[in-house]
Amino acid sequence: MRDQSLFVLASLASGERHGYGIAQDTEELSEGRVRLTAGTLYGALNRLTDEGLVAESREEVVEGRRRRYYRLTAAGETALAEETERLRSMAAALSARASAARRRRTTTKPAPA
């Protein structure tokens, strides 16, 4: 799953949001590493909606502009949980490998000069 889609799902896990709210929350959640342009955001929302992971929940007009709100579906909750676990598992494996490398480096004596 792409980072953009993962962060959109994570944003919607706390409740329904409109597009701009999703973009703001995604930037905050990712500590600025993921910034969604309008094209990227709505492309991701369309894909996630087509996949049944996100659904439109309502629309409203604010200052003459239409705001569409989205929510996470049950399938989206499952996908978010599965992707989070996959990343957690991968991070644990990488951390174990890095720890082993550090241990080898600190226990290996330098060759005599």
N, C-alpha and C. Protein backbone atom coordinates (compact mmCIF):
# COMPACT_ATOMS: atom_id res chain seq x y z
N MET A 1 0.85 -1.18 0.00
CA MET A 1 0.00 0.00 0.00
C MET A 1 0.89 1.24 0.00
N ARG A 2 0.53 2.21 -0.79
CA ARG A 2 1.30 3.46 -0.86
C ARG A 2 1.13 4.25 0.43
N ASP A 3 2.18 5.01 0.76
CA ASP A 3 2.13 5.84 1.97
C ASP A 3 0.91 6.75 1.97
N GLN A 4 0.60 7.35 0.81
CA GLN A 4 -0.53 8.28 0.75
C GLN A 4 -1.82 7.58 1.16
N SER A 5 -2.05 6.40 0.63
CA SER A 5 -3.29 5.67 0.94
C SER A 5 -3.31 5.26 2.41
N LEU A 6 -2.18 4.80 2.92
CA LEU A 6 -2.11 4.40 4.32
C LEU A 6 -2.45 5.56 5.24
N PHE A 7 -1.89 6.73 4.97
CA PHE A 7 -2.16 7.88 5.82
C PHE A 7 -3.59 8.40 5.66
N VAL A 8 -4.18 8.26 4.48
CA VAL A 8 -5.59 8.62 4.32
C VAL A 8 -6.44 7.71 5.19
N LEU A 9 -6.18 6.41 5.15
CA LEU A 9 -6.93 5.47 6.00
C LEU A 9 -6.73 5.81 7.48
N ALA A 10 -5.49 6.08 7.87
CA ALA A 10 -5.21 6.41 9.27
C ALA A 10 -5.93 7.69 9.69
N SER A 11 -5.98 8.66 8.80
CA SER A 11 -6.67 9.91 9.10
C SER A 11 -8.16 9.65 9.35
N LEU A 12 -8.75 8.81 8.52
CA LEU A 12 -10.19 8.54 8.65
C LEU A 12 -10.50 7.61 9.81
N ALA A 13 -9.49 6.97 10.39
CA ALA A 13 -9.73 6.08 11.53
C ALA A 13 -10.27 6.85 12.74
N SER A 14 -9.99 8.15 12.80
CA SER A 14 -10.48 8.94 13.93
C SER A 14 -11.84 9.58 13.66
N GLY A 15 -12.41 9.33 12.48
CA GLY A 15 -13.73 9.86 12.17
C GLY A 15 -13.78 10.45 10.77
N GLU A 16 -14.99 10.80 10.35
CA GLU A 16 -15.14 11.33 8.99
C GLU A 16 -14.45 12.68 8.87
N ARG A 17 -13.98 12.93 7.66
CA ARG A 17 -13.31 14.20 7.37
C ARG A 17 -13.57 14.57 5.92
N HIS A 18 -13.45 15.87 5.65
CA HIS A 18 -13.51 16.33 4.25
C HIS A 18 -12.08 16.32 3.71
N GLY A 19 -11.95 16.50 2.40
CA GLY A 19 -10.67 16.37 1.74
C GLY A 19 -9.55 17.20 2.35
N TYR A 20 -9.81 18.49 2.57
CA TYR A 20 -8.76 19.35 3.11
C TYR A 20 -8.37 18.90 4.51
N GLY A 21 -9.33 18.45 5.30
CA GLY A 21 -9.05 17.95 6.64
C GLY A 21 -8.18 16.69 6.60
N ILE A 22 -8.44 15.84 5.61
CA ILE A 22 -7.63 14.62 5.44
C ILE A 22 -6.19 15.02 5.10
N ALA A 23 -6.03 15.97 4.19
CA ALA A 23 -4.69 16.41 3.78
C ALA A 23 -3.93 16.99 4.96
N GLN A 24 -4.59 17.82 5.76
CA GLN A 24 -3.94 18.42 6.93
C GLN A 24 -3.55 17.35 7.95
N ASP A 25 -4.47 16.44 8.23
CA ASP A 25 -4.21 15.40 9.22
C ASP A 25 -3.08 14.47 8.75
N THR A 26 -3.07 14.16 7.46
CA THR A 26 -2.03 13.31 6.91
C THR A 26 -0.65 13.94 7.08
N GLU A 27 -0.56 15.22 6.81
CA GLU A 27 0.73 15.91 6.98
C GLU A 27 1.16 15.88 8.45
N GLU A 28 0.20 16.09 9.35
CA GLU A 28 0.52 16.06 10.78
C GLU A 28 0.91 14.65 11.23
N LEU A 29 0.13 13.65 10.85
CA LEU A 29 0.42 12.27 11.24
C LEU A 29 1.79 11.80 10.74
N SER A 30 2.14 12.22 9.54
CA SER A 30 3.40 11.78 8.94
C SER A 30 4.57 12.69 9.30
N GLU A 31 4.32 13.64 10.19
CA GLU A 31 5.33 14.61 10.60
C GLU A 31 5.94 15.32 9.39
N GLY A 32 5.07 15.64 8.42
CA GLY A 32 5.46 16.40 7.25
C GLY A 32 6.06 15.59 6.12
N ARG A 33 6.21 14.28 6.31
CA ARG A 33 6.81 13.44 5.26
C ARG A 33 5.85 13.18 4.10
N VAL A 34 4.55 13.23 4.36
CA VAL A 34 3.55 13.01 3.30
C VAL A 34 2.70 14.26 3.19
N ARG A 35 2.80 14.91 2.04
CA ARG A 35 1.99 16.10 1.76
C ARG A 35 1.15 15.78 0.53
N LEU A 36 -0.14 15.86 0.69
CA LEU A 36 -1.05 15.49 -0.38
C LEU A 36 -1.51 16.71 -1.17
N THR A 37 -1.20 16.72 -2.45
CA THR A 37 -1.78 17.74 -3.32
C THR A 37 -3.23 17.33 -3.59
N ALA A 38 -4.01 18.23 -4.13
CA ALA A 38 -5.41 17.90 -4.42
C ALA A 38 -5.51 16.70 -5.37
N GLY A 39 -4.68 16.68 -6.40
CA GLY A 39 -4.73 15.57 -7.36
C GLY A 39 -4.38 14.24 -6.73
N THR A 40 -3.35 14.23 -5.90
CA THR A 40 -2.94 12.99 -5.23
C THR A 40 -4.00 12.54 -4.24
N LEU A 41 -4.52 13.49 -3.45
CA LEU A 41 -5.54 13.17 -2.45
C LEU A 41 -6.79 12.58 -3.09
N TYR A 42 -7.33 13.25 -4.09
CA TYR A 42 -8.58 12.78 -4.67
C TYR A 42 -8.38 11.53 -5.52
N GLY A 43 -7.19 11.38 -6.09
CA GLY A 43 -6.87 10.12 -6.77
C GLY A 43 -6.86 8.96 -5.78
N ALA A 44 -6.24 9.18 -4.62
CA ALA A 44 -6.20 8.15 -3.57
C ALA A 44 -7.62 7.87 -3.05
N LEU A 45 -8.38 8.92 -2.80
CA LEU A 45 -9.75 8.72 -2.30
C LEU A 45 -10.60 7.95 -3.32
N ASN A 46 -10.44 8.26 -4.60
CA ASN A 46 -11.20 7.52 -5.62
C ASN A 46 -10.81 6.06 -5.64
N ARG A 47 -9.51 5.76 -5.58
CA ARG A 47 -9.05 4.36 -5.56
C ARG A 47 -9.56 3.64 -4.31
N LEU A 48 -9.42 4.29 -3.17
CA LEU A 48 -9.85 3.67 -1.91
C LEU A 48 -11.36 3.46 -1.89
N THR A 49 -12.10 4.38 -2.49
CA THR A 49 -13.55 4.22 -2.60
C THR A 49 -13.89 3.06 -3.53
N ASP A 50 -13.21 2.98 -4.66
CA ASP A 50 -13.43 1.87 -5.60
C ASP A 50 -13.11 0.52 -4.96
N GLU A 51 -12.12 0.50 -4.07
CA GLU A 51 -11.72 -0.74 -3.39
C GLU A 51 -12.61 -1.06 -2.19
N GLY A 52 -13.54 -0.15 -1.86
CA GLY A 52 -14.45 -0.37 -0.75
C GLY A 52 -13.84 -0.09 0.62
N LEU A 53 -12.71 0.60 0.65
CA LEU A 53 -12.04 0.89 1.92
C LEU A 53 -12.49 2.21 2.54
N VAL A 54 -13.01 3.09 1.69
CA VAL A 54 -13.49 4.40 2.09
C VAL A 54 -14.84 4.62 1.42
N ALA A 55 -15.71 5.37 2.07
CA ALA A 55 -17.00 5.70 1.48
C ALA A 55 -17.30 7.18 1.71
N GLU A 56 -18.03 7.77 0.78
CA GLU A 56 -18.50 9.14 0.99
C GLU A 56 -19.59 9.07 2.04
N SER A 57 -19.54 10.00 3.01
CA SER A 57 -20.55 9.96 4.06
C SER A 57 -21.59 11.08 3.93
N ARG A 58 -21.16 12.24 3.46
CA ARG A 58 -22.11 13.35 3.29
C ARG A 58 -21.44 14.47 2.54
N GLU A 59 -22.26 15.45 2.15
CA GLU A 59 -21.76 16.67 1.50
C GLU A 59 -22.41 17.86 2.16
N GLU A 60 -21.71 18.97 2.14
CA GLU A 60 -22.28 20.23 2.59
C GLU A 60 -21.67 21.35 1.77
N VAL A 61 -22.33 22.48 1.77
CA VAL A 61 -21.82 23.65 1.07
C VAL A 61 -21.39 24.66 2.11
N VAL A 62 -20.13 25.08 2.02
CA VAL A 62 -19.56 26.05 2.95
C VAL A 62 -19.00 27.20 2.12
N GLU A 63 -19.55 28.40 2.36
CA GLU A 63 -19.12 29.59 1.62
C GLU A 63 -19.16 29.36 0.11
N GLY A 64 -20.22 28.70 -0.34
CA GLY A 64 -20.42 28.47 -1.76
C GLY A 64 -19.61 27.32 -2.36
N ARG A 65 -18.84 26.64 -1.53
CA ARG A 65 -18.01 25.53 -2.03
C ARG A 65 -18.51 24.23 -1.44
N ARG A 66 -18.57 23.22 -2.30
CA ARG A 66 -19.04 21.91 -1.86
C ARG A 66 -17.92 21.19 -1.10
N ARG A 67 -18.29 20.64 0.04
CA ARG A 67 -17.37 19.84 0.84
C ARG A 67 -17.91 18.43 0.91
N ARG A 68 -17.11 17.49 0.46
CA ARG A 68 -17.50 16.08 0.52
C ARG A 68 -16.74 15.43 1.67
N TYR A 69 -17.47 14.71 2.51
CA TYR A 69 -16.88 14.03 3.66
C TYR A 69 -16.75 12.54 3.36
N TYR A 70 -15.70 11.96 3.92
CA TYR A 70 -15.40 10.54 3.72
C TYR A 70 -15.29 9.86 5.07
N ARG A 71 -15.55 8.55 5.06
CA ARG A 71 -15.42 7.75 6.28
C ARG A 71 -14.74 6.44 5.93
N LEU A 72 -14.17 5.83 6.92
CA LEU A 72 -13.53 4.53 6.78
C LEU A 72 -14.60 3.45 6.84
N THR A 73 -14.54 2.48 5.96
CA THR A 73 -15.47 1.35 6.01
C THR A 73 -14.88 0.25 6.88
N ALA A 74 -15.67 -0.78 7.15
CA ALA A 74 -15.17 -1.94 7.91
C ALA A 74 -13.99 -2.57 7.18
N ALA A 75 -14.08 -2.67 5.85
CA ALA A 75 -12.97 -3.21 5.07
C ALA A 75 -11.74 -2.31 5.17
N GLY A 76 -11.96 -0.99 5.25
CA GLY A 76 -10.86 -0.05 5.42
C GLY A 76 -10.19 -0.20 6.78
N GLU A 77 -10.99 -0.43 7.81
CA GLU A 77 -10.43 -0.66 9.15
C GLU A 77 -9.55 -1.91 9.14
N THR A 78 -10.04 -2.97 8.49
CA THR A 78 -9.27 -4.21 8.39
C THR A 78 -7.98 -3.99 7.62
N ALA A 79 -8.07 -3.29 6.49
CA ALA A 79 -6.88 -3.02 5.67
C ALA A 79 -5.85 -2.19 6.44
N LEU A 80 -6.32 -1.21 7.20
CA LEU A 80 -5.41 -0.37 8.00
C LEU A 80 -4.72 -1.22 9.07
N ALA A 81 -5.48 -2.07 9.75
CA ALA A 81 -4.90 -2.94 10.78
C ALA A 81 -3.88 -3.91 10.18
N GLU A 82 -4.21 -4.50 9.04
CA GLU A 82 -3.30 -5.46 8.40
C GLU A 82 -2.02 -4.77 7.93
N GLU A 83 -2.15 -3.60 7.34
CA GLU A 83 -0.96 -2.89 6.85
C GLU A 83 -0.10 -2.42 8.01
N THR A 84 -0.74 -1.98 9.08
CA THR A 84 0.00 -1.55 10.27
C THR A 84 0.78 -2.73 10.85
N GLU A 85 0.17 -3.89 10.92
CA GLU A 85 0.85 -5.08 11.43
C GLU A 85 1.99 -5.50 10.50
N ARG A 86 1.78 -5.42 9.20
CA ARG A 86 2.84 -5.76 8.24
C ARG A 86 4.05 -4.85 8.44
N LEU A 87 3.79 -3.56 8.60
CA LEU A 87 4.88 -2.60 8.81
C LEU A 87 5.56 -2.83 10.15
N ARG A 88 4.78 -3.13 11.17
CA ARG A 88 5.33 -3.40 12.50
C ARG A 88 6.27 -4.62 12.44
N SER A 89 5.84 -5.66 11.76
CA SER A 89 6.63 -6.88 11.63
C SER A 89 7.92 -6.61 10.86
N MET A 90 7.80 -5.85 9.79
CA MET A 90 8.97 -5.52 8.98
C MET A 90 9.94 -4.67 9.79
N ALA A 91 9.45 -3.71 10.54
CA ALA A 91 10.31 -2.86 11.37
C ALA A 91 11.02 -3.69 12.44
N ALA A 92 10.33 -4.67 13.02
CA ALA A 92 10.95 -5.53 14.03
C ALA A 92 12.08 -6.35 13.42
N ALA A 93 11.88 -6.89 12.23
CA ALA A 93 12.92 -7.68 11.56
C ALA A 93 14.13 -6.80 11.24
N LEU A 94 13.88 -5.60 10.76
CA LEU A 94 14.98 -4.69 10.43
C LEU A 94 15.72 -4.26 11.69
N SER A 95 14.99 -4.00 12.75
CA SER A 95 15.60 -3.60 14.01
C SER A 95 16.48 -4.72 14.56
N ALA A 96 16.00 -5.96 14.48
CA ALA A 96 16.79 -7.10 14.94
C ALA A 96 18.08 -7.22 14.14
N ARG A 97 18.02 -7.03 12.85
CA ARG A 97 19.21 -7.11 12.00
C ARG A 97 20.19 -6.00 12.36
N ALA A 98 19.68 -4.79 12.55
CA ALA A 98 20.55 -3.66 12.91
C ALA A 98 21.20 -3.89 14.27
N SER A 99 20.46 -4.43 15.23
CA SER A 99 21.01 -4.72 16.56
C SER A 99 22.12 -5.76 16.47
N ALA A 100 21.90 -6.79 15.65
CA ALA A 100 22.92 -7.83 15.48
C ALA A 100 24.19 -7.23 14.88
N ALA A 101 24.04 -6.35 13.93
CA ALA A 101 25.21 -5.71 13.31
C ALA A 101 25.97 -4.88 14.34
N ARG A 102 25.24 -4.15 15.19
CA ARG A 102 25.89 -3.35 16.24
C ARG A 102 26.63 -4.24 17.22
N ARG A 103 26.00 -5.35 17.60
CA ARG A 103 26.66 -6.28 18.54
C ARG A 103 27.94 -6.85 17.93
N ARG A 104 27.88 -7.23 16.65
CA ARG A 104 29.08 -7.76 15.99
C ARG A 104 30.18 -6.72 15.96
N ARG A 105 29.81 -5.50 15.67
CA ARG A 105 30.80 -4.43 15.57
C ARG A 105 31.45 -4.16 16.92
N THR A 106 30.68 -4.20 18.00
CA THR A 106 31.23 -3.89 19.31
C THR A 106 31.97 -5.07 19.94
N THR A 107 31.71 -6.30 19.50
CA THR A 107 32.39 -7.46 20.08
C THR A 107 33.56 -7.92 19.23
N THR A 108 33.69 -7.42 18.04
CA THR A 108 34.80 -7.79 17.16
C THR A 108 36.00 -6.93 17.51
N LYS A 109 37.12 -7.59 17.79
CA LYS A 109 38.34 -6.84 18.11
C LYS A 109 39.03 -6.42 16.83
N PRO A 110 39.56 -5.23 16.82
CA PRO A 110 40.29 -4.79 15.62
C PRO A 110 41.55 -5.64 15.42
N ALA A 111 41.92 -5.81 14.18
CA ALA A 111 43.12 -6.57 13.86
C ALA A 111 44.36 -5.82 14.35
N PRO A 112 45.38 -6.56 14.82
CA PRO A 112 46.59 -5.86 15.29
C PRO A 112 47.26 -5.09 14.15
N ALA A 113 47.84 -3.98 14.53
CA ALA A 113 48.48 -3.12 13.52
C ALA A 113 49.86 -3.58 13.15
